[in-house]
Amino acid sequence: MTRYVLDSSALLSLTMAEPGADRVTRLLESAACVMSAVNYAEVVGKLQDVGMSAGEISSRIAGLRLTVHAFDRDQGFNCGWLREKTRTLGLSLGDRACLQLAAALSATAVTADRIWDRLKIGVKIEVLR
């Protein structure tokens, strides 16, 4: 089974019913989907920004077939090491956390951020829109 690492933008497209939501739904139903705890935190923060309560956020995410991976020391180092390779594209810490987890798991990173199409770092990337 192919494994996918969802970027915050991918999960937000689903929770906010944005373009790409249908693809994320299909992935969650048919594949092994994971997310870094860093990206999970970003999703919670963004949903809070649009006025959702903690209960609403939890209920939207709880039923998904999604495993959240802890962000440990090694992941932190590898994520930081990606900074130089991604600096020119302006990728965030969360973006790099997703990419480093995808690299570590030999998985495909899934994002709604088109700029990722320009990355050449040896990680398979699927851009939703």
C-alpha atoms as a PDB file:
ATOM      1  CA  MET A   1       0.000   0.000   0.000  1.00  0.00           C
ATOM      2  CA  THR A   2       1.285   3.436  -0.915  1.00  0.00           C
ATOM      3  CA  ARG A   3       1.809   5.759   2.012  1.00  0.00           C
ATOM      4  CA  TYR A   4       0.981   9.461   1.892  1.00  0.00           C
ATOM      5  CA  VAL A   5       2.084  12.284   4.186  1.00  0.00           C
ATOM      6  CA  LEU A   6      -0.455  15.089   4.278  1.00  0.00           C
ATOM      7  CA  ASP A   7       0.690  18.665   4.515  1.00  0.00           C
ATOM      8  CA  SER A   8      -1.504  21.028   6.542  1.00  0.00           C
ATOM      9  CA  SER A   9      -2.813  22.559   3.312  1.00  0.00           C
ATOM     10  CA  ALA A  10      -4.066  19.134   2.187  1.00  0.00           C
ATOM     11  CA  LEU A  11      -6.006  18.471   5.379  1.00  0.00           C
ATOM     12  CA  LEU A  12      -7.300  22.050   5.416  1.00  0.00           C
ATOM     13  CA  SER A  13      -8.612  21.616   1.874  1.00  0.00           C
ATOM     14  CA  LEU A  14     -10.713  18.737   3.197  1.00  0.00           C
ATOM     15  CA  THR A  15     -11.916  20.370   6.404  1.00  0.00           C
ATOM     16  CA  MET A  16     -12.720  23.640   4.621  1.00  0.00           C
ATOM     17  CA  ALA A  17     -14.291  21.965   1.526  1.00  0.00           C
ATOM     18  CA  GLU A  18     -11.766  23.572  -0.822  1.00  0.00           C
ATOM     19  CA  PRO A  19     -10.502  22.339  -4.214  1.00  0.00           C
ATOM     20  CA  GLY A  20      -8.582  19.107  -3.709  1.00  0.00           C
ATOM     21  CA  ALA A  21     -10.873  17.901  -0.903  1.00  0.00           C
ATOM     22  CA  ASP A  22     -12.176  15.022  -3.019  1.00  0.00           C
ATOM     23  CA  ARG A  23      -8.648  13.688  -3.613  1.00  0.00           C
ATOM     24  CA  VAL A  24      -7.806  13.895   0.112  1.00  0.00           C
ATOM     25  CA  THR A  25     -11.044  12.028   0.899  1.00  0.00           C
ATOM     26  CA  ARG A  26     -10.089   9.260  -1.539  1.00  0.00           C
ATOM     27  CA  LEU A  27      -6.589   9.001  -0.066  1.00  0.00           C
ATOM     28  CA  LEU A  28      -7.915   8.779   3.489  1.00  0.00           C
ATOM     29  CA  GLU A  29     -10.369   6.064   2.449  1.00  0.00           C
ATOM     30  CA  SER A  30      -7.952   3.924   0.458  1.00  0.00           C
ATOM     31  CA  ALA A  31      -4.367   4.543   1.553  1.00  0.00           C
ATOM     32  CA  ALA A  32      -2.180   4.828   4.614  1.00  0.00           C
ATOM     33  CA  CYS A  33      -2.190   8.549   5.443  1.00  0.00           C
ATOM     34  CA  VAL A  34      -0.001  10.151   8.074  1.00  0.00           C
ATOM     35  CA  MET A  35       0.806  13.662   9.211  1.00  0.00           C
ATOM     36  CA  SER A  36       3.520  15.255  11.302  1.00  0.00           C
ATOM     37  CA  ALA A  37       2.420  16.628  14.670  1.00  0.00           C
ATOM     38  CA  VAL A  38       3.803  19.963  13.433  1.00  0.00           C
ATOM     39  CA  ASN A  39       1.317  20.002  10.547  1.00  0.00           C
ATOM     40  CA  TYR A  40      -1.474  18.811  12.827  1.00  0.00           C
ATOM     41  CA  ALA A  41      -0.791  21.810  15.079  1.00  0.00           C
ATOM     42  CA  GLU A  42      -0.961  24.109  12.044  1.00  0.00           C
ATOM     43  CA  VAL A  43      -4.349  22.685  11.062  1.00  0.00           C
ATOM     44  CA  VAL A  44      -5.743  23.151  14.574  1.00  0.00           C
ATOM     45  CA  GLY A  45      -4.486  26.745  14.654  1.00  0.00           C
ATOM     46  CA  LYS A  46      -5.927  27.613  11.229  1.00  0.00           C
ATOM     47  CA  LEU A  47      -9.320  26.131  12.111  1.00  0.00           C
ATOM     48  CA  GLN A  48      -9.311  28.088  15.368  1.00  0.00           C
ATOM     49  CA  ASP A  49      -8.536  31.233  13.325  1.00  0.00           C
ATOM     50  CA  VAL A  50     -11.755  30.746  11.339  1.00  0.00           C
ATOM     51  CA  GLY A  51     -13.774  30.505  14.547  1.00  0.00           C
ATOM     52  CA  MET A  52     -14.083  26.788  15.194  1.00  0.00           C
ATOM     53  CA  SER A  53     -14.205  25.606  18.778  1.00  0.00           C
ATOM     54  CA  ALA A  54     -11.927  22.901  20.153  1.00  0.00           C
ATOM     55  CA  GLY A  55     -14.849  20.464  20.032  1.00  0.00           C
ATOM     56  CA  GLU A  56     -15.645  21.258  16.406  1.00  0.00           C
ATOM     57  CA  ILE A  57     -12.015  20.863  15.400  1.00  0.00           C
ATOM     58  CA  SER A  58     -11.658  17.568  17.251  1.00  0.00           C
ATOM     59  CA  SER A  59     -14.840  16.139  15.745  1.00  0.00           C
ATOM     60  CA  ARG A  60     -13.827  17.134  12.200  1.00  0.00           C
ATOM     61  CA  ILE A  61     -10.457  15.418  12.505  1.00  0.00           C
ATOM     62  CA  ALA A  62     -11.181  12.534  14.901  1.00  0.00           C
ATOM     63  CA  GLY A  63     -13.024  10.318  12.427  1.00  0.00           C
ATOM     64  CA  LEU A  64     -10.335  10.442   9.754  1.00  0.00           C
ATOM     65  CA  ARG A  65      -8.057   7.484   9.038  1.00  0.00           C
ATOM     66  CA  LEU A  66      -5.006   9.580   9.787  1.00  0.00           C
ATOM     67  CA  THR A  67      -2.007   8.747  11.962  1.00  0.00           C
ATOM     68  CA  VAL A  68      -0.208  11.692  13.542  1.00  0.00           C
ATOM     69  CA  HIS A  69       3.544  11.161  13.954  1.00  0.00           C
ATOM     70  CA  ALA A  70       5.363  12.748  16.877  1.00  0.00           C
ATOM     71  CA  PHE A  71       8.079  15.233  15.967  1.00  0.00           C
ATOM     72  CA  ASP A  72      11.272  14.086  17.637  1.00  0.00           C
ATOM     73  CA  ARG A  73      14.889  15.201  17.803  1.00  0.00           C
ATOM     74  CA  ASP A  74      16.013  13.394  14.633  1.00  0.00           C
ATOM     75  CA  GLN A  75      13.059  14.716  12.671  1.00  0.00           C
ATOM     76  CA  GLY A  76      13.819  18.192  13.977  1.00  0.00           C
ATOM     77  CA  PHE A  77      17.394  17.948  12.735  1.00  0.00           C
ATOM     78  CA  ASN A  78      16.386  16.618   9.318  1.00  0.00           C
ATOM     79  CA  CYS A  79      13.670  19.233   9.005  1.00  0.00           C
ATOM     80  CA  GLY A  80      16.142  21.984   9.842  1.00  0.00           C
ATOM     81  CA  TRP A  81      18.621  20.558   7.349  1.00  0.00           C
ATOM     82  CA  LEU A  82      16.044  21.015   4.565  1.00  0.00           C
ATOM     83  CA  ARG A  83      16.038  24.773   5.154  1.00  0.00           C
ATOM     84  CA  GLU A  84      18.933  25.468   2.800  1.00  0.00           C
ATOM     85  CA  LYS A  85      17.398  23.391  -0.017  1.00  0.00           C
ATOM     86  CA  THR A  86      13.975  25.026   0.329  1.00  0.00           C
ATOM     87  CA  ARG A  87      14.866  28.589   1.337  1.00  0.00           C
ATOM     88  CA  THR A  88      14.480  30.103  -2.133  1.00  0.00           C
ATOM     89  CA  LEU A  89      10.868  28.881  -2.297  1.00  0.00           C
ATOM     90  CA  GLY A  90      10.011  30.248   1.154  1.00  0.00           C
ATOM     91  CA  LEU A  91       8.879  26.958   2.678  1.00  0.00           C
ATOM     92  CA  SER A  92       7.775  27.066   6.305  1.00  0.00           C
ATOM     93  CA  LEU A  93       8.780  24.850   9.192  1.00  0.00           C
ATOM     94  CA  GLY A  94       5.527  22.937   8.710  1.00  0.00           C
ATOM     95  CA  ASP A  95       6.248  22.435   5.016  1.00  0.00           C
ATOM     96  CA  ARG A  96       9.675  21.047   5.833  1.00  0.00           C
ATOM     97  CA  ALA A  97       8.246  18.817   8.586  1.00  0.00           C
ATOM     98  CA  CYS A  98       5.912  17.249   6.032  1.00  0.00           C
ATOM     99  CA  LEU A  99       8.693  16.783   3.494  1.00  0.00           C
ATOM    100  CA  GLN A 100      11.140  15.287   5.967  1.00  0.00           C
ATOM    101  CA  LEU A 101       8.507  12.807   7.203  1.00  0.00           C
ATOM    102  CA  ALA A 102       7.716  11.810   3.621  1.00  0.00           C
ATOM    103  CA  ALA A 103      11.424  11.283   2.990  1.00  0.00           C
ATOM    104  CA  ALA A 104      11.851   9.236   6.174  1.00  0.00           C
ATOM    105  CA  LEU A 105       8.891   7.001   5.284  1.00  0.00           C
ATOM    106  CA  SER A 106       9.625   6.812   1.524  1.00  0.00           C
ATOM    107  CA  ALA A 107       6.132   8.199   1.076  1.00  0.00           C
ATOM    108  CA  THR A 108       4.453  10.751  -1.165  1.00  0.00           C
ATOM    109  CA  ALA A 109       3.958  14.245   0.290  1.00  0.00           C
ATOM    110  CA  VAL A 110       0.512  15.680  -0.524  1.00  0.00           C
ATOM    111  CA  THR A 111       0.001  19.437  -0.561  1.00  0.00           C
ATOM    112  CA  ALA A 112      -2.166  22.184  -2.000  1.00  0.00           C
ATOM    113  CA  ASP A 113       0.854  24.486  -2.307  1.00  0.00           C
ATOM    114  CA  ARG A 114       1.751  24.741  -6.005  1.00  0.00           C
ATOM    115  CA  ILE A 115       5.255  26.007  -5.293  1.00  0.00           C
ATOM    116  CA  TRP A 116       6.189  22.482  -4.203  1.00  0.00           C
ATOM    117  CA  ASP A 117       6.164  21.472  -7.877  1.00  0.00           C
ATOM    118  CA  ARG A 118       9.494  23.305  -8.131  1.00  0.00           C
ATOM    119  CA  LEU A 119      11.189  21.269  -5.387  1.00  0.00           C
ATOM    120  CA  LYS A 120      13.989  18.925  -6.365  1.00  0.00           C
ATOM    121  CA  ILE A 121      14.875  17.204  -3.092  1.00  0.00           C
ATOM    122  CA  GLY A 122      14.262  13.533  -3.855  1.00  0.00           C
ATOM    123  CA  VAL A 123      10.778  13.360  -2.317  1.00  0.00           C
ATOM    124  CA  LYS A 124       7.753  12.363  -4.371  1.00  0.00           C
ATOM    125  CA  ILE A 125       5.179  15.172  -4.217  1.00  0.00           C
ATOM    126  CA  GLU A 126       1.530  15.318  -5.253  1.00  0.00           C
ATOM    127  CA  VAL A 127       0.041  18.797  -5.625  1.00  0.00           C
ATOM    128  CA  LEU A 128      -3.743  18.836  -5.222  1.00  0.00           C
ATOM    129  CA  ARG A 129      -4.600  21.875  -7.327  1.00  0.00           C
END
